[in-house]
Amino acid sequence: MRRVLTLGLVVGGFVVQAVSYLLLAAPLGIPTSEAFSNPRVPFAAAFFVLGVVMVFTAALVYELLPDERSR
């Protein structure tokens, strides 16, 4: 069970990171001004950090949940 939860958190975290960068933050088109370097959605960085936290939480879940074979 802990492997499934860990894998889910890792994959989910990377998906959140990819979506937040590619769909919410990355500029599309040709840069025409300095404002072009700003994210398209103001809170996109918060979602990216949430994805990073999810990936690091996966390590905690793997270490803190008991192994099914040790029962």
N, C-alpha and C. Protein backbone atom coordinates (compact mmCIF):
# COMPACT_ATOMS: atom_id res chain seq x y z
N MET A 1 0.82 -1.19 0.00
CA MET A 1 0.00 0.00 0.00
C MET A 1 0.87 1.26 0.00
N ARG A 2 1.99 1.20 0.74
CA ARG A 2 2.82 2.40 0.79
C ARG A 2 3.47 2.68 -0.55
N ARG A 3 3.74 1.65 -1.32
CA ARG A 3 4.32 1.88 -2.65
C ARG A 3 3.32 2.57 -3.57
N VAL A 4 2.07 2.17 -3.47
CA VAL A 4 1.02 2.78 -4.31
C VAL A 4 0.84 4.25 -3.93
N LEU A 5 0.78 4.54 -2.62
CA LEU A 5 0.64 5.92 -2.18
C LEU A 5 1.85 6.76 -2.57
N THR A 6 3.04 6.18 -2.41
CA THR A 6 4.26 6.91 -2.76
C THR A 6 4.30 7.20 -4.25
N LEU A 7 4.02 6.21 -5.05
CA LEU A 7 4.02 6.41 -6.50
C LEU A 7 2.96 7.41 -6.92
N GLY A 8 1.79 7.35 -6.28
CA GLY A 8 0.73 8.31 -6.58
C GLY A 8 1.14 9.74 -6.26
N LEU A 9 1.80 9.92 -5.11
CA LEU A 9 2.26 11.27 -4.74
C LEU A 9 3.35 11.78 -5.68
N VAL A 10 4.27 10.89 -6.05
CA VAL A 10 5.35 11.32 -6.95
C VAL A 10 4.79 11.69 -8.33
N VAL A 11 3.96 10.83 -8.88
CA VAL A 11 3.39 11.11 -10.20
C VAL A 11 2.48 12.34 -10.13
N GLY A 12 1.65 12.41 -9.09
CA GLY A 12 0.77 13.56 -8.94
C GLY A 12 1.54 14.86 -8.78
N GLY A 13 2.62 14.81 -8.01
CA GLY A 13 3.45 16.00 -7.83
C GLY A 13 4.08 16.47 -9.13
N PHE A 14 4.60 15.53 -9.91
CA PHE A 14 5.20 15.91 -11.19
C PHE A 14 4.16 16.42 -12.18
N VAL A 15 2.96 15.87 -12.12
CA VAL A 15 1.89 16.36 -13.00
C VAL A 15 1.50 17.78 -12.61
N VAL A 16 1.36 18.04 -11.30
CA VAL A 16 1.03 19.39 -10.85
C VAL A 16 2.12 20.38 -11.27
N GLN A 17 3.38 19.97 -11.15
CA GLN A 17 4.48 20.84 -11.56
C GLN A 17 4.42 21.14 -13.06
N ALA A 18 4.23 20.10 -13.84
CA ALA A 18 4.20 20.28 -15.30
C ALA A 18 3.03 21.15 -15.73
N VAL A 19 1.86 20.90 -15.17
CA VAL A 19 0.68 21.69 -15.54
C VAL A 19 0.85 23.14 -15.11
N SER A 20 1.36 23.33 -13.89
CA SER A 20 1.50 24.71 -13.41
C SER A 20 2.51 25.49 -14.24
N TYR A 21 3.56 24.83 -14.69
CA TYR A 21 4.54 25.55 -15.50
C TYR A 21 4.06 25.72 -16.95
N LEU A 22 3.70 24.62 -17.57
CA LEU A 22 3.39 24.67 -19.00
C LEU A 22 2.08 25.38 -19.32
N LEU A 23 1.07 25.20 -18.48
CA LEU A 23 -0.23 25.79 -18.80
C LEU A 23 -0.52 27.10 -18.08
N LEU A 24 0.10 27.31 -16.91
CA LEU A 24 -0.24 28.50 -16.13
C LEU A 24 0.86 29.56 -16.13
N ALA A 25 2.12 29.16 -16.25
CA ALA A 25 3.20 30.13 -16.08
C ALA A 25 3.98 30.43 -17.35
N ALA A 26 4.20 29.46 -18.19
CA ALA A 26 5.06 29.65 -19.35
C ALA A 26 4.43 30.62 -20.35
N PRO A 27 5.17 31.60 -20.79
CA PRO A 27 4.65 32.53 -21.78
C PRO A 27 4.53 31.85 -23.15
N LEU A 28 3.49 32.17 -23.85
CA LEU A 28 3.28 31.63 -25.19
C LEU A 28 3.39 32.76 -26.20
N GLY A 29 4.08 32.51 -27.26
CA GLY A 29 4.20 33.53 -28.31
C GLY A 29 5.57 34.17 -28.35
N ILE A 30 5.65 35.28 -29.05
CA ILE A 30 6.90 36.01 -29.24
C ILE A 30 6.98 37.12 -28.19
N PRO A 31 8.10 37.21 -27.46
CA PRO A 31 8.21 38.27 -26.45
C PRO A 31 8.24 39.65 -27.10
N THR A 32 7.35 40.50 -26.63
CA THR A 32 7.27 41.85 -27.18
C THR A 32 7.58 42.93 -26.15
N SER A 33 7.52 42.58 -24.86
CA SER A 33 7.81 43.56 -23.82
C SER A 33 8.35 42.83 -22.59
N GLU A 34 8.76 43.61 -21.61
CA GLU A 34 9.28 43.03 -20.37
C GLU A 34 8.18 42.33 -19.58
N ALA A 35 6.96 42.75 -19.70
CA ALA A 35 5.83 42.14 -19.00
C ALA A 35 5.58 40.72 -19.49
N PHE A 36 6.12 40.38 -20.64
CA PHE A 36 5.92 39.04 -21.20
C PHE A 36 6.56 37.96 -20.33
N SER A 37 7.56 38.32 -19.52
CA SER A 37 8.23 37.33 -18.69
C SER A 37 7.46 37.00 -17.41
N ASN A 38 6.39 37.73 -17.12
CA ASN A 38 5.56 37.43 -15.96
C ASN A 38 4.69 36.20 -16.25
N PRO A 39 4.36 35.42 -15.21
CA PRO A 39 3.47 34.27 -15.44
C PRO A 39 2.09 34.72 -15.89
N ARG A 40 1.42 33.86 -16.65
CA ARG A 40 0.08 34.20 -17.13
C ARG A 40 -0.93 34.21 -16.00
N VAL A 41 -0.74 33.34 -15.01
CA VAL A 41 -1.61 33.27 -13.84
C VAL A 41 -0.76 33.64 -12.63
N PRO A 42 -1.18 34.61 -11.81
CA PRO A 42 -0.33 35.09 -10.73
C PRO A 42 0.08 34.03 -9.70
N PHE A 43 -0.77 33.05 -9.45
CA PHE A 43 -0.48 32.05 -8.42
C PHE A 43 0.09 30.76 -8.99
N ALA A 44 0.62 30.78 -10.18
CA ALA A 44 1.18 29.57 -10.80
C ALA A 44 2.37 29.05 -10.02
N ALA A 45 3.17 29.92 -9.46
CA ALA A 45 4.33 29.49 -8.68
C ALA A 45 3.90 28.71 -7.43
N ALA A 46 2.78 29.08 -6.85
CA ALA A 46 2.28 28.36 -5.67
C ALA A 46 1.91 26.93 -6.03
N PHE A 47 1.32 26.72 -7.19
CA PHE A 47 1.00 25.36 -7.62
C PHE A 47 2.28 24.56 -7.88
N PHE A 48 3.28 25.20 -8.44
CA PHE A 48 4.54 24.51 -8.68
C PHE A 48 5.17 24.08 -7.37
N VAL A 49 5.17 24.95 -6.38
CA VAL A 49 5.72 24.61 -5.06
C VAL A 49 4.89 23.50 -4.42
N LEU A 50 3.59 23.52 -4.61
CA LEU A 50 2.74 22.44 -4.10
C LEU A 50 3.15 21.10 -4.70
N GLY A 51 3.48 21.08 -5.99
CA GLY A 51 3.95 19.85 -6.63
C GLY A 51 5.26 19.38 -6.05
N VAL A 52 6.17 20.29 -5.76
CA VAL A 52 7.45 19.93 -5.15
C VAL A 52 7.21 19.35 -3.75
N VAL A 53 6.33 19.97 -2.99
CA VAL A 53 6.01 19.48 -1.64
C VAL A 53 5.40 18.09 -1.72
N MET A 54 4.57 17.83 -2.71
CA MET A 54 3.97 16.50 -2.86
C MET A 54 5.04 15.45 -3.11
N VAL A 55 6.03 15.77 -3.94
CA VAL A 55 7.10 14.81 -4.23
C VAL A 55 7.92 14.53 -2.97
N PHE A 56 8.23 15.56 -2.20
CA PHE A 56 8.99 15.34 -0.97
C PHE A 56 8.15 14.63 0.09
N THR A 57 6.85 14.85 0.10
CA THR A 57 5.97 14.15 1.04
C THR A 57 5.93 12.66 0.72
N ALA A 58 6.13 12.32 -0.53
CA ALA A 58 6.14 10.91 -0.92
C ALA A 58 7.24 10.16 -0.18
N ALA A 59 8.38 10.78 0.02
CA ALA A 59 9.46 10.15 0.77
C ALA A 59 9.05 9.92 2.23
N LEU A 60 8.36 10.89 2.81
CA LEU A 60 7.88 10.72 4.18
C LEU A 60 6.86 9.59 4.29
N VAL A 61 5.95 9.53 3.33
CA VAL A 61 4.94 8.46 3.33
C VAL A 61 5.62 7.10 3.22
N TYR A 62 6.60 6.99 2.36
CA TYR A 62 7.28 5.71 2.18
C TYR A 62 8.01 5.28 3.45
N GLU A 63 8.60 6.22 4.14
CA GLU A 63 9.38 5.89 5.34
C GLU A 63 8.49 5.68 6.57
N LEU A 64 7.39 6.38 6.67
CA LEU A 64 6.59 6.32 7.89
C LEU A 64 5.52 5.25 7.88
N LEU A 65 5.01 4.87 6.72
CA LEU A 65 4.02 3.81 6.67
C LEU A 65 4.72 2.45 6.78
N PRO A 66 4.10 1.53 7.53
CA PRO A 66 4.74 0.21 7.67
C PRO A 66 4.66 -0.60 6.37
N ASP A 67 5.65 -1.45 6.20
CA ASP A 67 5.69 -2.33 5.03
C ASP A 67 4.70 -3.46 5.24
N GLU A 68 4.00 -3.88 4.20
CA GLU A 68 3.00 -4.94 4.31
C GLU A 68 3.63 -6.29 4.64
N ARG A 69 4.87 -6.50 4.21
CA ARG A 69 5.53 -7.78 4.47
C ARG A 69 5.96 -7.93 5.93
N SER A 70 6.12 -6.83 6.66
CA SER A 70 6.60 -6.91 8.03
C SER A 70 5.48 -7.19 9.03
N ARG A 71 4.27 -7.28 8.58
CA ARG A 71 3.13 -7.55 9.49
C ARG A 71 3.03 -8.99 9.85
